[in-house]
Amino acid sequence: MVARPQPKRGEVWWVKPGKTAGAELQKKRPYVVISADSMGNVPVKIAVPLKTWQDRFAAWPWVVRIEPTAANGLKRTEAADVMQTKSFDTGKFLDRQGRLTADEVDDITAALAIVVEYE
């Protein structure tokens, strides 16, 4: 039996979403895991997709700019779009790309708080 991936908070993983509808992101892409590691062995992780940065995103508080670094393994500037946050079974996590900084994960979490009006 193949062991399931164990994605951790702040890691960037390639994920294949599977069945989607409407404006949901459909193709395989990198996602940032934002669910707490303290959730234990729950085989579901909450993740935020990364997509190519566009200058118009700078005005959108739900999109966080992520620059490529050796640590995160990204090749270009990306946008973490919290409006597309999803939960995935860990079996959909394909390959670990790298890890974001704690500040970047905090920025993504803050953007998520904005869209759900959490204070």
N, C-alpha and C. Protein backbone atom coordinates (compact mmCIF):
# COMPACT_ATOMS: atom_id res chain seq x y z
N MET A 1 0.84 -1.17 0.00
CA MET A 1 0.00 0.00 0.00
C MET A 1 0.89 1.25 0.00
N VAL A 2 0.56 2.21 -0.83
CA VAL A 2 1.31 3.46 -0.92
C VAL A 2 0.88 4.38 0.21
N ALA A 3 1.86 4.95 0.90
CA ALA A 3 1.54 5.87 2.00
C ALA A 3 0.96 7.17 1.44
N ARG A 4 -0.01 7.72 2.16
CA ARG A 4 -0.60 9.00 1.76
C ARG A 4 0.40 10.12 2.03
N PRO A 5 0.38 11.15 1.20
CA PRO A 5 1.19 12.32 1.50
C PRO A 5 0.73 12.94 2.82
N GLN A 6 1.64 13.62 3.50
CA GLN A 6 1.33 14.29 4.77
C GLN A 6 1.67 15.77 4.64
N PRO A 7 0.89 16.52 3.85
CA PRO A 7 1.17 17.95 3.67
C PRO A 7 1.09 18.71 5.00
N LYS A 8 2.00 19.66 5.16
CA LYS A 8 2.07 20.47 6.38
C LYS A 8 1.74 21.92 6.06
N ARG A 9 1.29 22.65 7.08
CA ARG A 9 0.95 24.06 6.95
C ARG A 9 2.15 24.82 6.37
N GLY A 10 1.86 25.64 5.36
CA GLY A 10 2.89 26.46 4.73
C GLY A 10 3.59 25.81 3.55
N GLU A 11 3.38 24.52 3.37
CA GLU A 11 4.01 23.84 2.24
C GLU A 11 3.23 24.10 0.95
N VAL A 12 3.97 24.11 -0.14
CA VAL A 12 3.39 24.24 -1.48
C VAL A 12 3.40 22.85 -2.10
N TRP A 13 2.22 22.41 -2.54
CA TRP A 13 2.07 21.08 -3.16
C TRP A 13 1.34 21.22 -4.48
N TRP A 14 1.68 20.37 -5.43
CA TRP A 14 0.89 20.24 -6.66
C TRP A 14 -0.31 19.37 -6.35
N VAL A 15 -1.49 19.87 -6.74
CA VAL A 15 -2.75 19.19 -6.46
C VAL A 15 -3.56 19.10 -7.75
N LYS A 16 -4.18 17.96 -7.97
CA LYS A 16 -5.12 17.77 -9.08
C LYS A 16 -6.51 17.76 -8.46
N PRO A 17 -7.30 18.85 -8.63
CA PRO A 17 -8.58 18.98 -7.93
C PRO A 17 -9.63 17.92 -8.24
N GLY A 18 -9.63 17.36 -9.44
CA GLY A 18 -10.70 16.44 -9.79
C GLY A 18 -11.91 17.19 -10.32
N LYS A 19 -13.10 16.69 -10.05
CA LYS A 19 -14.33 17.28 -10.57
C LYS A 19 -14.54 18.68 -10.01
N THR A 20 -14.77 19.63 -10.90
CA THR A 20 -15.04 21.01 -10.51
C THR A 20 -16.22 21.52 -11.32
N ALA A 21 -16.69 22.71 -10.98
CA ALA A 21 -17.82 23.30 -11.70
C ALA A 21 -17.63 24.81 -11.82
N GLY A 22 -18.25 25.39 -12.84
CA GLY A 22 -18.29 26.85 -13.00
C GLY A 22 -16.93 27.51 -12.99
N ALA A 23 -16.77 28.52 -12.12
CA ALA A 23 -15.55 29.32 -12.06
C ALA A 23 -14.47 28.70 -11.18
N GLU A 24 -14.69 27.49 -10.65
CA GLU A 24 -13.67 26.84 -9.84
C GLU A 24 -12.44 26.53 -10.69
N LEU A 25 -11.27 26.61 -10.06
CA LEU A 25 -10.04 26.27 -10.77
C LEU A 25 -10.03 24.78 -11.07
N GLN A 26 -9.66 24.42 -12.29
CA GLN A 26 -9.84 23.05 -12.73
C GLN A 26 -8.55 22.27 -12.93
N LYS A 27 -7.48 22.93 -13.34
CA LYS A 27 -6.29 22.16 -13.70
C LYS A 27 -5.36 21.93 -12.52
N LYS A 28 -4.45 20.98 -12.69
CA LYS A 28 -3.41 20.72 -11.71
C LYS A 28 -2.60 21.99 -11.52
N ARG A 29 -2.35 22.36 -10.26
CA ARG A 29 -1.61 23.59 -9.97
C ARG A 29 -1.04 23.50 -8.56
N PRO A 30 -0.16 24.43 -8.21
CA PRO A 30 0.35 24.44 -6.83
C PRO A 30 -0.67 25.05 -5.87
N TYR A 31 -0.75 24.48 -4.69
CA TYR A 31 -1.60 24.97 -3.61
C TYR A 31 -0.75 25.11 -2.35
N VAL A 32 -1.11 26.08 -1.52
CA VAL A 32 -0.47 26.28 -0.22
C VAL A 32 -1.38 25.69 0.85
N VAL A 33 -0.84 24.81 1.67
CA VAL A 33 -1.61 24.23 2.77
C VAL A 33 -1.73 25.26 3.88
N ILE A 34 -2.97 25.53 4.32
CA ILE A 34 -3.18 26.50 5.40
C ILE A 34 -3.82 25.87 6.63
N SER A 35 -4.26 24.63 6.55
CA SER A 35 -4.87 24.01 7.73
C SER A 35 -3.79 23.73 8.78
N ALA A 36 -4.20 23.76 10.02
CA ALA A 36 -3.28 23.58 11.14
C ALA A 36 -2.75 22.16 11.21
N ASP A 37 -1.47 22.03 11.47
CA ASP A 37 -0.86 20.71 11.64
C ASP A 37 -1.43 20.00 12.86
N SER A 38 -1.94 20.76 13.82
CA SER A 38 -2.49 20.17 15.05
C SER A 38 -3.78 19.39 14.82
N MET A 39 -4.28 19.41 13.59
CA MET A 39 -5.50 18.65 13.27
C MET A 39 -5.22 17.15 13.24
N GLY A 40 -3.97 16.77 13.38
CA GLY A 40 -3.61 15.36 13.49
C GLY A 40 -3.67 14.62 12.17
N ASN A 41 -4.18 13.41 12.23
CA ASN A 41 -4.18 12.52 11.07
C ASN A 41 -5.41 12.65 10.19
N VAL A 42 -6.14 13.74 10.30
CA VAL A 42 -7.30 13.94 9.44
C VAL A 42 -6.80 13.94 7.99
N PRO A 43 -7.35 13.08 7.13
CA PRO A 43 -6.83 12.97 5.77
C PRO A 43 -7.37 14.02 4.80
N VAL A 44 -7.68 15.20 5.33
CA VAL A 44 -8.17 16.32 4.52
C VAL A 44 -7.39 17.55 4.92
N LYS A 45 -6.95 18.33 3.94
CA LYS A 45 -6.21 19.56 4.20
C LYS A 45 -6.89 20.72 3.49
N ILE A 46 -6.87 21.89 4.13
CA ILE A 46 -7.39 23.11 3.52
C ILE A 46 -6.23 23.77 2.80
N ALA A 47 -6.46 24.17 1.54
CA ALA A 47 -5.37 24.71 0.73
C ALA A 47 -5.86 25.87 -0.13
N VAL A 48 -4.92 26.77 -0.43
CA VAL A 48 -5.19 27.95 -1.26
C VAL A 48 -4.39 27.80 -2.55
N PRO A 49 -5.05 27.96 -3.71
CA PRO A 49 -4.34 27.79 -4.98
C PRO A 49 -3.43 28.97 -5.30
N LEU A 50 -2.39 28.66 -6.04
CA LEU A 50 -1.51 29.67 -6.60
C LEU A 50 -1.75 29.74 -8.09
N LYS A 51 -1.82 30.96 -8.61
CA LYS A 51 -1.95 31.16 -10.05
C LYS A 51 -1.05 32.32 -10.45
N THR A 52 -0.81 32.47 -11.72
CA THR A 52 0.11 33.49 -12.21
C THR A 52 -0.34 34.88 -11.77
N TRP A 53 0.60 35.64 -11.19
CA TRP A 53 0.32 37.00 -10.74
C TRP A 53 -0.02 37.90 -11.92
N GLN A 54 -1.03 38.73 -11.73
CA GLN A 54 -1.39 39.78 -12.68
C GLN A 54 -1.47 41.09 -11.90
N ASP A 55 -1.04 42.18 -12.50
CA ASP A 55 -1.00 43.47 -11.79
C ASP A 55 -2.35 43.88 -11.22
N ARG A 56 -3.45 43.51 -11.86
CA ARG A 56 -4.77 43.90 -11.36
C ARG A 56 -5.07 43.29 -10.00
N PHE A 57 -4.37 42.21 -9.65
CA PHE A 57 -4.61 41.57 -8.35
C PHE A 57 -4.16 42.44 -7.18
N ALA A 58 -3.28 43.40 -7.42
CA ALA A 58 -2.75 44.24 -6.34
C ALA A 58 -3.86 44.99 -5.60
N ALA A 59 -4.96 45.25 -6.27
CA ALA A 59 -6.09 45.97 -5.65
C ALA A 59 -7.08 45.04 -4.95
N TRP A 60 -6.86 43.74 -5.04
CA TRP A 60 -7.80 42.78 -4.47
C TRP A 60 -7.26 42.26 -3.14
N PRO A 61 -7.94 42.52 -2.02
CA PRO A 61 -7.42 42.11 -0.72
C PRO A 61 -7.42 40.60 -0.48
N TRP A 62 -8.08 39.84 -1.32
CA TRP A 62 -8.14 38.39 -1.15
C TRP A 62 -7.05 37.66 -1.93
N VAL A 63 -6.17 38.42 -2.59
CA VAL A 63 -5.07 37.83 -3.35
C VAL A 63 -3.75 38.29 -2.75
N VAL A 64 -2.87 37.33 -2.46
CA VAL A 64 -1.57 37.62 -1.85
C VAL A 64 -0.46 37.31 -2.86
N ARG A 65 0.41 38.27 -3.07
CA ARG A 65 1.54 38.11 -4.00
C ARG A 65 2.62 37.26 -3.34
N ILE A 66 3.09 36.24 -4.07
CA ILE A 66 4.14 35.35 -3.59
C ILE A 66 5.28 35.36 -4.62
N GLU A 67 6.45 35.80 -4.18
CA GLU A 67 7.62 35.85 -5.05
C GLU A 67 8.33 34.49 -5.04
N PRO A 68 8.93 34.11 -6.17
CA PRO A 68 9.65 32.84 -6.20
C PRO A 68 10.95 32.89 -5.39
N THR A 69 11.23 31.81 -4.67
CA THR A 69 12.47 31.67 -3.92
C THR A 69 12.94 30.22 -4.04
N ALA A 70 14.16 29.99 -3.63
CA ALA A 70 14.66 28.62 -3.61
C ALA A 70 13.85 27.77 -2.63
N ALA A 71 13.43 28.37 -1.52
CA ALA A 71 12.69 27.61 -0.49
C ALA A 71 11.30 27.20 -0.95
N ASN A 72 10.60 28.08 -1.71
CA ASN A 72 9.24 27.70 -2.11
C ASN A 72 9.21 26.96 -3.45
N GLY A 73 10.30 26.98 -4.19
CA GLY A 73 10.40 26.22 -5.43
C GLY A 73 9.62 26.79 -6.59
N LEU A 74 9.05 27.98 -6.43
CA LEU A 74 8.26 28.57 -7.50
C LEU A 74 9.17 29.16 -8.56
N LYS A 75 8.71 29.18 -9.80
CA LYS A 75 9.50 29.67 -10.93
C LYS A 75 9.13 31.08 -11.34
N ARG A 76 7.97 31.56 -10.88
CA ARG A 76 7.50 32.90 -11.27
C ARG A 76 6.70 33.48 -10.10
N THR A 77 6.40 34.77 -10.19
CA THR A 77 5.56 35.40 -9.18
C THR A 77 4.16 34.82 -9.27
N GLU A 78 3.63 34.43 -8.13
CA GLU A 78 2.32 33.78 -8.07
C GLU A 78 1.35 34.60 -7.23
N ALA A 79 0.08 34.26 -7.35
CA ALA A 79 -0.99 34.89 -6.58
C ALA A 79 -1.72 33.80 -5.79
N ALA A 80 -1.73 33.94 -4.47
CA ALA A 80 -2.51 33.04 -3.62
C ALA A 80 -3.92 33.62 -3.54
N ASP A 81 -4.87 32.93 -4.16
CA ASP A 81 -6.24 33.43 -4.29
C ASP A 81 -7.13 32.76 -3.25
N VAL A 82 -7.36 33.44 -2.12
CA VAL A 82 -8.12 32.81 -1.04
C VAL A 82 -9.60 32.63 -1.36
N MET A 83 -10.11 33.31 -2.39
CA MET A 83 -11.51 33.08 -2.80
C MET A 83 -11.68 31.68 -3.40
N GLN A 84 -10.58 31.02 -3.74
CA GLN A 84 -10.63 29.67 -4.31
C GLN A 84 -10.15 28.61 -3.30
N THR A 85 -10.15 28.96 -2.00
CA THR A 85 -9.74 28.03 -0.95
C THR A 85 -10.61 26.77 -1.01
N LYS A 86 -9.94 25.60 -0.86
CA LYS A 86 -10.66 24.33 -0.93
C LYS A 86 -10.09 23.35 0.09
N SER A 87 -10.87 22.35 0.39
CA SER A 87 -10.40 21.21 1.17
C SER A 87 -10.18 20.04 0.21
N PHE A 88 -9.07 19.34 0.40
CA PHE A 88 -8.75 18.19 -0.45
C PHE A 88 -8.38 16.99 0.41
N ASP A 89 -8.79 15.82 -0.04
CA ASP A 89 -8.27 14.58 0.50
C ASP A 89 -6.77 14.56 0.22
N THR A 90 -5.98 14.09 1.18
CA THR A 90 -4.53 14.11 0.99
C THR A 90 -4.08 13.24 -0.19
N GLY A 91 -4.91 12.35 -0.64
CA GLY A 91 -4.58 11.55 -1.82
C GLY A 91 -4.48 12.37 -3.10
N LYS A 92 -5.03 13.60 -3.10
CA LYS A 92 -4.96 14.48 -4.27
C LYS A 92 -3.68 15.32 -4.29
N PHE A 93 -2.90 15.28 -3.20
CA PHE A 93 -1.63 16.00 -3.15
C PHE A 93 -0.58 15.14 -3.86
N LEU A 94 -0.01 15.68 -4.93
CA LEU A 94 0.87 14.89 -5.79
C LEU A 94 2.35 15.04 -5.46
N ASP A 95 2.86 16.25 -5.49
CA ASP A 95 4.29 16.48 -5.29
C ASP A 95 4.50 17.73 -4.44
N ARG A 96 5.41 17.64 -3.48
CA ARG A 96 5.75 18.80 -2.66
C ARG A 96 6.71 19.69 -3.46
N GLN A 97 6.35 20.97 -3.55
CA GLN A 97 7.13 21.95 -4.31
C GLN A 97 8.13 22.67 -3.41
N GLY A 98 7.70 23.04 -2.20
CA GLY A 98 8.55 23.80 -1.30
C GLY A 98 7.75 24.31 -0.12
N ARG A 99 8.22 25.42 0.48
CA ARG A 99 7.55 25.97 1.67
C ARG A 99 7.60 27.49 1.62
N LEU A 100 6.47 28.11 1.99
CA LEU A 100 6.42 29.57 2.11
C LEU A 100 6.99 29.99 3.46
N THR A 101 7.28 31.28 3.59
CA THR A 101 7.72 31.80 4.88
C THR A 101 6.52 31.92 5.81
N ALA A 102 6.80 32.04 7.10
CA ALA A 102 5.73 32.23 8.08
C ALA A 102 4.97 33.52 7.80
N ASP A 103 5.68 34.57 7.37
CA ASP A 103 5.01 35.84 7.06
C ASP A 103 4.07 35.69 5.87
N GLU A 104 4.47 34.94 4.86
CA GLU A 104 3.59 34.72 3.70
C GLU A 104 2.34 33.95 4.09
N VAL A 105 2.50 32.93 4.92
CA VAL A 105 1.34 32.16 5.39
C VAL A 105 0.43 33.05 6.23
N ASP A 106 1.02 33.91 7.05
CA ASP A 106 0.22 34.86 7.84
C ASP A 106 -0.55 35.81 6.93
N ASP A 107 0.08 36.28 5.85
CA ASP A 107 -0.60 37.17 4.90
C ASP A 107 -1.79 36.46 4.24
N ILE A 108 -1.61 35.20 3.89
CA ILE A 108 -2.69 34.43 3.28
C ILE A 108 -3.83 34.25 4.29
N THR A 109 -3.48 33.92 5.53
CA THR A 109 -4.49 33.74 6.57
C THR A 109 -5.24 35.05 6.82
N ALA A 110 -4.52 36.17 6.81
CA ALA A 110 -5.17 37.48 7.00
C ALA A 110 -6.12 37.78 5.85
N ALA A 111 -5.74 37.43 4.63
CA ALA A 111 -6.63 37.65 3.47
C ALA A 111 -7.88 36.79 3.61
N LEU A 112 -7.73 35.58 4.11
CA LEU A 112 -8.89 34.72 4.32
C LEU A 112 -9.81 35.33 5.39
N ALA A 113 -9.23 35.88 6.43
CA ALA A 113 -10.03 36.55 7.47
C ALA A 113 -10.83 37.72 6.88
N ILE A 114 -10.26 38.44 5.94
CA ILE A 114 -10.96 39.54 5.30
C ILE A 114 -12.19 39.05 4.56
N VAL A 115 -12.05 37.98 3.79
CA VAL A 115 -13.18 37.54 2.96
C VAL A 115 -14.29 36.87 3.78
N VAL A 116 -13.99 36.43 4.98
CA VAL A 116 -15.05 35.86 5.82
C VAL A 116 -15.48 36.82 6.92
N GLU A 117 -14.96 38.06 6.85
CA GLU A 117 -15.27 39.12 7.80
C GLU A 117 -15.01 38.69 9.24
N TYR A 118 -13.87 38.02 9.45
CA TYR A 118 -13.46 37.63 10.78
C TYR A 118 -12.67 38.76 11.42
N GLU A 119 -13.01 39.10 12.65
CA GLU A 119 -12.30 40.18 13.35
C GLU A 119 -11.65 39.68 14.60
